[in-house]
N, C-alpha and C. Protein backbone atom coordinates (compact mmCIF):
# COMPACT_ATOMS: atom_id res chain seq x y z
N MET A 1 0.78 -1.38 0.11
CA MET A 1 -0.22 -0.10 0.18
C MET A 1 0.80 1.29 0.04
N LEU A 2 1.94 1.13 1.00
CA LEU A 2 2.64 2.40 1.05
C LEU A 2 3.58 2.39 -0.28
N PHE A 3 3.95 1.64 -1.20
CA PHE A 3 4.38 1.56 -2.39
C PHE A 3 3.80 2.32 -3.27
N GLN A 4 2.34 1.96 -3.26
CA GLN A 4 1.61 2.40 -4.18
C GLN A 4 1.38 3.87 -4.05
N LEU A 5 1.38 4.24 -2.86
CA LEU A 5 1.15 5.88 -2.62
C LEU A 5 2.24 6.59 -3.00
N PHE A 6 3.41 5.98 -2.90
CA PHE A 6 4.76 6.80 -3.27
C PHE A 6 5.01 6.47 -4.87
N ASN A 7 4.73 5.70 -5.35
CA ASN A 7 4.26 5.67 -6.83
C ASN A 7 3.08 6.80 -7.44
N ALA A 8 2.15 6.85 -6.83
CA ALA A 8 1.28 7.63 -7.25
C ALA A 8 1.78 9.12 -7.11
N LEU A 9 2.31 9.26 -5.89
CA LEU A 9 2.62 10.79 -5.64
C LEU A 9 3.69 10.89 -6.69
N GLY A 10 4.54 10.32 -7.05
CA GLY A 10 5.80 10.40 -8.21
C GLY A 10 5.18 10.63 -9.31
N LEU A 11 4.00 9.72 -9.72
CA LEU A 11 3.34 10.05 -11.22
C LEU A 11 2.96 11.54 -10.91
N LEU A 12 2.18 11.85 -9.95
CA LEU A 12 1.48 12.95 -9.70
C LEU A 12 2.68 14.39 -10.06
N GLN A 13 3.89 14.27 -9.52
CA GLN A 13 4.86 15.26 -9.49
C GLN A 13 5.67 14.80 -10.84
N GLU A 14 5.54 14.02 -11.36
CA GLU A 14 6.06 14.24 -12.95
C GLU A 14 4.98 14.70 -13.77
N SER A 15 3.88 14.42 -13.65
CA SER A 15 2.63 15.13 -14.46
C SER A 15 2.71 16.55 -14.12
N SER A 16 2.68 16.79 -13.06
CA SER A 16 2.80 18.51 -12.44
C SER A 16 4.13 19.17 -13.19
N ARG A 17 5.31 18.93 -12.91
CA ARG A 17 6.56 19.37 -13.99
C ARG A 17 6.09 19.31 -15.46
N MET A 18 5.75 18.23 -15.68
CA MET A 18 5.25 18.02 -17.50
C MET A 18 4.54 19.36 -17.79
N ALA A 19 3.57 19.39 -17.22
CA ALA A 19 2.71 20.58 -17.36
C ALA A 19 3.15 22.13 -17.42
N GLU A 20 3.83 22.12 -16.32
CA GLU A 20 4.77 23.61 -16.27
C GLU A 20 5.84 23.54 -17.21
N MET A 21 6.44 22.49 -17.63
CA MET A 21 7.38 22.52 -18.72
C MET A 21 6.52 23.15 -20.03
N VAL A 22 5.49 22.41 -20.29
CA VAL A 22 4.67 22.83 -21.66
C VAL A 22 4.43 24.39 -21.29
N VAL A 23 4.01 24.88 -20.27
CA VAL A 23 3.71 26.41 -20.24
C VAL A 23 4.97 27.41 -20.27
N GLU A 24 5.89 26.90 -19.82
CA GLU A 24 7.06 27.21 -20.17
C GLU A 24 7.61 27.70 -21.24
N THR A 25 7.39 26.45 -22.16
CA THR A 25 8.05 26.33 -23.67
C THR A 25 6.88 27.14 -24.57
N VAL A 26 5.79 26.90 -24.51
CA VAL A 26 4.91 27.39 -25.58
C VAL A 26 5.18 28.94 -25.95
N ARG A 27 4.97 29.37 -27.00
CA ARG A 27 5.60 30.63 -27.46
C ARG A 27 4.37 31.70 -27.39
N LYS A 28 3.27 31.14 -26.50
CA LYS A 28 2.10 32.23 -26.18
C LYS A 28 2.40 32.90 -25.11
N LEU A 29 1.55 34.03 -24.69
CA LEU A 29 1.58 34.75 -23.13
C LEU A 29 0.53 33.75 -22.48
N LEU A 30 1.16 33.21 -21.40
CA LEU A 30 0.20 32.30 -20.67
C LEU A 30 0.69 32.49 -19.14
N LEU A 31 -0.04 32.49 -18.23
CA LEU A 31 -0.13 32.66 -16.79
C LEU A 31 -1.15 31.22 -16.25
N VAL A 32 -0.45 30.52 -15.27
CA VAL A 32 -1.31 29.66 -14.50
C VAL A 32 -1.34 30.13 -13.16
N LEU A 33 -2.69 30.32 -12.76
CA LEU A 33 -3.10 30.60 -11.46
C LEU A 33 -3.73 29.54 -10.42
N ASP A 34 -3.20 29.49 -9.13
CA ASP A 34 -3.90 28.59 -8.40
C ASP A 34 -5.23 29.38 -7.80
N SER A 35 -5.97 28.95 -6.72
CA SER A 35 -6.84 29.20 -6.31
C SER A 35 -7.00 30.45 -5.59
N GLN A 36 -5.54 31.17 -5.13
CA GLN A 36 -5.51 32.37 -4.62
C GLN A 36 -5.68 33.60 -4.93
N PRO A 37 -5.62 34.16 -6.30
CA PRO A 37 -4.78 33.22 -7.55
C PRO A 37 -3.57 33.78 -7.52
N ARG A 38 -2.80 32.93 -7.35
CA ARG A 38 -1.21 33.44 -7.20
C ARG A 38 -0.75 32.47 -8.61
N ALA A 39 0.46 32.91 -8.78
CA ALA A 39 1.27 32.46 -10.28
C ALA A 39 1.62 30.94 -9.73
N LEU A 40 1.43 30.11 -10.79
CA LEU A 40 1.95 28.71 -10.54
C LEU A 40 3.09 28.74 -11.77
N ALA A 41 2.79 29.63 -12.85
CA ALA A 41 3.80 28.99 -13.57
C ALA A 41 3.43 30.31 -14.64
N VAL A 42 4.53 30.86 -15.39
CA VAL A 42 4.33 31.81 -16.42
C VAL A 42 5.28 31.32 -17.81
N SER A 43 4.53 31.62 -18.96
CA SER A 43 5.26 31.38 -20.02
C SER A 43 6.74 32.01 -20.29
N HIS A 44 7.25 31.38 -20.86
CA HIS A 44 8.97 32.31 -21.31
C HIS A 44 8.49 33.68 -21.88
N ALA A 45 7.43 33.38 -23.01
CA ALA A 45 7.07 34.68 -23.76
C ALA A 45 6.34 35.54 -22.95
N PHE A 46 5.39 35.16 -21.78
CA PHE A 46 5.33 36.29 -21.01
C PHE A 46 6.32 36.77 -20.43
N ALA A 47 6.96 36.14 -19.74
CA ALA A 47 8.09 36.61 -18.95
C ALA A 47 9.03 37.67 -20.00
N THR A 48 9.30 37.16 -21.11
CA THR A 48 10.10 38.01 -22.11
C THR A 48 9.52 39.34 -22.23
N LEU A 49 8.21 39.23 -22.71
CA LEU A 49 7.63 40.82 -23.01
C LEU A 49 7.45 41.49 -21.85
N PHE A 50 7.10 41.11 -20.61
CA PHE A 50 6.91 41.94 -19.59
C PHE A 50 8.36 42.10 -18.79
N ARG A 51 9.60 41.40 -19.28
CA ARG A 51 10.83 41.54 -18.78
C ARG A 51 10.88 41.19 -17.04
N LEU A 52 9.86 40.08 -17.08
CA LEU A 52 10.07 39.41 -15.56
C LEU A 52 10.74 38.09 -15.44
N ASP A 53 11.31 37.78 -14.44
CA ASP A 53 11.76 36.87 -13.83
C ASP A 53 10.81 35.37 -13.59
N ALA A 54 10.66 34.66 -14.40
CA ALA A 54 9.40 33.66 -14.23
C ALA A 54 9.65 33.21 -13.02
N ALA A 55 11.16 32.62 -12.05
CA ALA A 55 11.12 32.02 -11.20
C ALA A 55 10.39 32.93 -10.13
N GLN A 56 10.75 34.22 -10.02
CA GLN A 56 10.45 35.27 -8.94
C GLN A 56 9.02 35.50 -9.12
N ALA A 57 8.19 35.49 -10.45
CA ALA A 57 6.86 35.67 -10.51
C ALA A 57 6.18 34.57 -9.92
N LYS A 58 6.49 33.35 -9.62
CA LYS A 58 5.76 32.09 -9.45
C LYS A 58 5.32 32.64 -7.72
N GLY A 59 4.09 32.03 -7.44
CA GLY A 59 3.75 32.46 -6.02
C GLY A 59 3.21 33.99 -5.70
N LYS A 60 3.17 34.81 -6.83
CA LYS A 60 2.65 36.46 -6.59
C LYS A 60 1.35 36.16 -7.01
N LEU A 61 0.75 37.27 -6.61
CA LEU A 61 -0.77 37.50 -7.03
C LEU A 61 -0.47 38.22 -8.42
N PRO A 62 -1.41 38.17 -9.51
CA PRO A 62 -1.22 39.11 -10.81
C PRO A 62 -1.11 40.66 -10.16
N ALA A 63 -1.92 41.00 -9.76
CA ALA A 63 -2.22 42.20 -8.78
C ALA A 63 -0.48 42.99 -8.47
N ASP A 64 0.25 41.68 -8.02
CA ASP A 64 1.66 42.10 -7.78
C ASP A 64 2.73 42.13 -8.90
N LEU A 65 2.32 41.57 -9.70
CA LEU A 65 3.48 41.51 -11.08
C LEU A 65 3.46 43.07 -11.81
N ASP A 66 4.69 43.55 -12.07
CA ASP A 66 4.85 44.51 -12.87
C ASP A 66 4.37 46.17 -12.21
N GLY A 67 4.66 45.86 -10.95
CA GLY A 67 4.54 47.41 -10.29
C GLY A 67 3.00 47.34 -9.86
N GLY A 68 2.33 46.30 -10.13
CA GLY A 68 0.84 46.80 -9.64
C GLY A 68 -0.24 47.06 -10.67
N ILE A 69 0.55 46.97 -12.14
CA ILE A 69 0.10 47.30 -13.45
C ILE A 69 -1.34 46.40 -13.52
N TRP A 70 -1.38 45.02 -13.05
CA TRP A 70 -2.40 44.12 -13.44
C TRP A 70 -3.60 44.31 -12.26
N ARG A 71 -3.40 45.38 -11.38
CA ARG A 71 -4.17 45.35 -10.36
C ARG A 71 -5.65 46.01 -10.78
N GLN A 72 -6.37 45.41 -11.37
CA GLN A 72 -7.65 45.78 -11.96
C GLN A 72 -8.95 45.45 -11.46
N PRO A 73 -9.94 46.06 -10.67
CA PRO A 73 -10.83 45.52 -9.96
C PRO A 73 -11.53 44.53 -11.11
N ALA A 74 -11.75 44.91 -12.35
CA ALA A 74 -12.72 44.21 -13.15
C ALA A 74 -11.80 42.69 -13.82
N LEU A 75 -10.58 42.86 -13.53
CA LEU A 75 -9.93 41.48 -13.76
C LEU A 75 -9.73 40.84 -12.66
N ARG A 76 -9.98 41.15 -11.66
CA ARG A 76 -10.00 40.56 -10.43
C ARG A 76 -11.46 39.72 -10.27
N GLN A 77 -12.54 40.44 -10.35
CA GLN A 77 -13.77 40.16 -10.30
C GLN A 77 -13.68 38.67 -11.27
N ARG A 78 -13.20 38.89 -12.49
CA ARG A 78 -13.22 37.71 -13.66
C ARG A 78 -12.75 36.59 -13.19
N LEU A 79 -11.72 36.75 -12.48
CA LEU A 79 -10.52 35.86 -11.98
C LEU A 79 -11.58 35.25 -10.79
N GLU A 80 -12.10 35.59 -10.30
CA GLU A 80 -12.87 34.92 -8.83
C GLU A 80 -13.87 34.25 -9.05
N ALA A 81 -14.62 34.74 -10.55
CA ALA A 81 -15.66 34.51 -10.57
C ALA A 81 -15.30 32.84 -11.52
N VAL A 82 -14.29 32.81 -12.11
CA VAL A 82 -14.05 31.47 -12.79
C VAL A 82 -13.54 30.61 -11.68
N LEU A 83 -12.78 31.40 -10.68
CA LEU A 83 -12.63 30.17 -9.57
C LEU A 83 -13.70 29.64 -8.63
N ARG A 84 -14.80 30.38 -8.51
CA ARG A 84 -15.93 30.15 -7.96
C ARG A 84 -16.84 29.18 -8.76
N ASP A 85 -16.80 29.18 -10.11
CA ASP A 85 -17.50 28.54 -10.76
C ASP A 85 -16.89 28.25 -12.08
N PRO A 86 -15.88 26.87 -11.77
CA PRO A 86 -14.89 26.43 -13.08
C PRO A 86 -15.63 26.33 -14.31
N THR A 87 -16.87 26.21 -14.36
CA THR A 87 -17.48 26.35 -15.69
C THR A 87 -17.73 27.73 -16.35
N THR A 88 -17.37 28.57 -15.65
CA THR A 88 -17.52 30.00 -16.27
C THR A 88 -16.68 30.02 -17.30
N ILE A 89 -16.98 30.84 -18.13
CA ILE A 89 -16.07 31.03 -19.32
C ILE A 89 -15.81 32.50 -19.31
N PHE A 90 -14.48 32.84 -19.48
CA PHE A 90 -13.79 33.92 -19.52
C PHE A 90 -13.04 34.25 -20.57
N ASP A 91 -13.86 35.17 -21.28
CA ASP A 91 -13.33 35.60 -22.73
C ASP A 91 -13.14 37.02 -22.77
N ASP A 92 -12.45 37.61 -23.60
CA ASP A 92 -12.09 38.69 -24.32
C ASP A 92 -12.16 40.17 -23.19
N TYR A 93 -11.16 40.08 -22.31
CA TYR A 93 -11.24 41.19 -21.33
C TYR A 93 -9.98 41.93 -21.92
N ILE A 94 -10.34 43.16 -22.04
CA ILE A 94 -9.65 44.18 -22.75
C ILE A 94 -8.97 44.78 -21.71
N PHE A 95 -7.55 44.59 -21.74
CA PHE A 95 -6.37 45.38 -20.61
C PHE A 95 -5.60 46.51 -21.44
N ASN A 96 -5.79 47.58 -21.01
CA ASN A 96 -4.90 48.39 -21.38
C ASN A 96 -3.88 48.99 -20.44
N GLY A 97 -3.13 48.83 -20.68
CA GLY A 97 -1.94 49.33 -19.38
C GLY A 97 -0.60 49.94 -19.87
N GLU A 98 0.03 50.26 -19.00
CA GLU A 98 1.35 50.98 -19.11
C GLU A 98 2.38 50.33 -18.24
N PHE A 99 3.13 49.25 -19.17
CA PHE A 99 3.81 48.26 -18.15
C PHE A 99 5.20 49.12 -17.97
N PRO A 100 5.76 49.00 -16.78
CA PRO A 100 7.03 49.43 -16.60
C PRO A 100 8.28 49.27 -17.70
N GLU A 101 8.33 47.97 -18.13
CA GLU A 101 9.44 47.47 -19.04
C GLU A 101 8.94 47.14 -20.35
N ALA A 102 7.61 47.09 -20.67
CA ALA A 102 7.19 46.76 -21.87
C ALA A 102 6.32 48.15 -22.38
N GLY A 103 6.34 49.20 -21.80
CA GLY A 103 5.57 50.16 -22.62
C GLY A 103 4.08 50.13 -22.33
N HIS A 104 3.26 50.98 -23.23
CA HIS A 104 1.88 50.60 -23.40
C HIS A 104 1.48 49.07 -24.48
N ARG A 105 0.64 48.75 -23.39
CA ARG A 105 0.18 47.52 -24.17
C ARG A 105 -1.44 47.52 -24.22
N GLU A 106 -1.95 47.12 -24.99
CA GLU A 106 -3.24 46.55 -25.41
C GLU A 106 -3.66 45.13 -25.34
N LEU A 107 -4.09 44.80 -24.53
CA LEU A 107 -4.09 43.15 -24.49
C LEU A 107 -5.48 42.48 -24.35
N LEU A 108 -5.83 41.37 -24.56
CA LEU A 108 -6.89 40.80 -24.76
C LEU A 108 -6.67 39.41 -23.99
N VAL A 109 -7.29 39.06 -22.73
CA VAL A 109 -7.28 38.27 -21.70
C VAL A 109 -8.35 37.50 -21.65
N TYR A 110 -8.12 36.23 -21.62
CA TYR A 110 -9.03 35.04 -21.71
C TYR A 110 -8.60 33.73 -20.70
N GLY A 111 -9.45 33.15 -20.10
CA GLY A 111 -9.19 32.17 -19.24
C GLY A 111 -10.17 31.05 -19.35
N ARG A 112 -9.56 30.00 -18.72
CA ARG A 112 -10.65 28.85 -18.46
C ARG A 112 -9.74 28.05 -17.09
N CYS A 113 -10.78 27.11 -16.34
CA CYS A 113 -10.10 26.52 -15.44
C CYS A 113 -9.54 25.18 -16.08
N ILE A 114 -8.60 24.83 -15.60
CA ILE A 114 -7.69 23.59 -16.07
C ILE A 114 -8.35 22.07 -15.89
N VAL A 115 -8.45 21.14 -16.79
CA VAL A 115 -9.12 20.02 -16.61
C VAL A 115 -8.38 18.92 -16.35
N SER A 116 -8.01 18.21 -15.12
CA SER A 116 -7.20 17.18 -14.99
C SER A 116 -8.02 15.99 -14.93
N THR A 117 -7.48 15.02 -15.66
CA THR A 117 -8.38 13.44 -15.57
C THR A 117 -9.80 13.57 -15.65
N GLY A 118 -10.35 14.57 -16.53
CA GLY A 118 -11.72 14.66 -16.57
C GLY A 118 -12.43 15.71 -15.69
N ALA A 119 -11.66 15.89 -14.54
CA ALA A 119 -12.40 16.98 -13.33
C ALA A 119 -11.84 18.35 -13.29
N LEU A 120 -12.90 19.41 -13.28
CA LEU A 120 -12.07 20.38 -13.03
C LEU A 120 -11.46 21.06 -11.82
N SER A 121 -10.30 21.51 -12.11
CA SER A 121 -9.24 21.87 -10.81
C SER A 121 -9.48 23.25 -10.55
N SER A 122 -9.07 23.83 -9.70
CA SER A 122 -9.02 25.11 -9.15
C SER A 122 -8.01 25.79 -9.64
N LYS A 123 -7.06 25.50 -10.87
CA LYS A 123 -6.10 26.10 -11.38
C LYS A 123 -6.59 26.92 -12.60
N LEU A 124 -6.15 27.91 -12.97
CA LEU A 124 -6.61 28.61 -14.06
C LEU A 124 -5.77 28.97 -15.08
N LEU A 125 -5.89 28.45 -16.27
CA LEU A 125 -5.02 28.84 -17.37
C LEU A 125 -5.54 30.07 -17.95
N LEU A 126 -4.36 31.23 -17.98
CA LEU A 126 -4.68 32.59 -18.58
C LEU A 126 -4.22 32.56 -19.80
N GLY A 127 -4.81 32.93 -21.04
CA GLY A 127 -4.18 33.25 -21.98
C GLY A 127 -3.94 34.79 -22.41
N ILE A 128 -3.09 35.47 -23.05
CA ILE A 128 -2.94 36.92 -23.27
C ILE A 128 -2.63 37.20 -24.77
N LYS A 129 -3.48 37.78 -25.28
CA LYS A 129 -3.28 38.12 -26.86
C LYS A 129 -2.71 39.79 -26.86
N ASP A 130 -1.55 40.12 -27.24
CA ASP A 130 -1.14 41.42 -27.39
C ASP A 130 -1.82 41.69 -28.52
N MET A 131 -2.48 42.86 -28.17
CA MET A 131 -3.45 43.94 -29.60
C MET A 131 -2.63 45.06 -29.92
N THR A 132 -1.76 45.30 -29.14
CA THR A 132 -0.97 46.51 -29.59
C THR A 132 -0.54 46.73 -30.90
N PRO A 133 -1.26 47.98 -31.29
CA PRO A 133 -1.01 48.52 -32.71
C PRO A 133 0.59 48.77 -32.88
N ALA A 134 1.11 48.27 -34.33
CA ALA A 134 2.52 48.37 -34.29
C ALA A 134 3.00 49.45 -34.79
């Protein structure tokens, strides 16, 4: 029985690390949040655009990233709504901001709760599309 628990724990850790590596590798602006909602992972593209250290971003609230530019009540309300009811669809939130390192950005933010082995989890995957005119 103990061996089975350790084996299951190992598989869970491996699966979690693989998911984190996918998010870090993908060339899209992605942010994975837990139920708090704190950053669990950020894509390399997200970290590069906003000139953030991905490791330092982990564990932070979106409102605490980039000097607080993400601190917008409407965004927070949408995140909380999806986390309260994981079947909620979060689409097309337009976010305009003056980022300390990336300058002015017009972003389209969308998100979904992550499904794991057929069940909804308390993790939220946010996608961000940079709509800033060239």
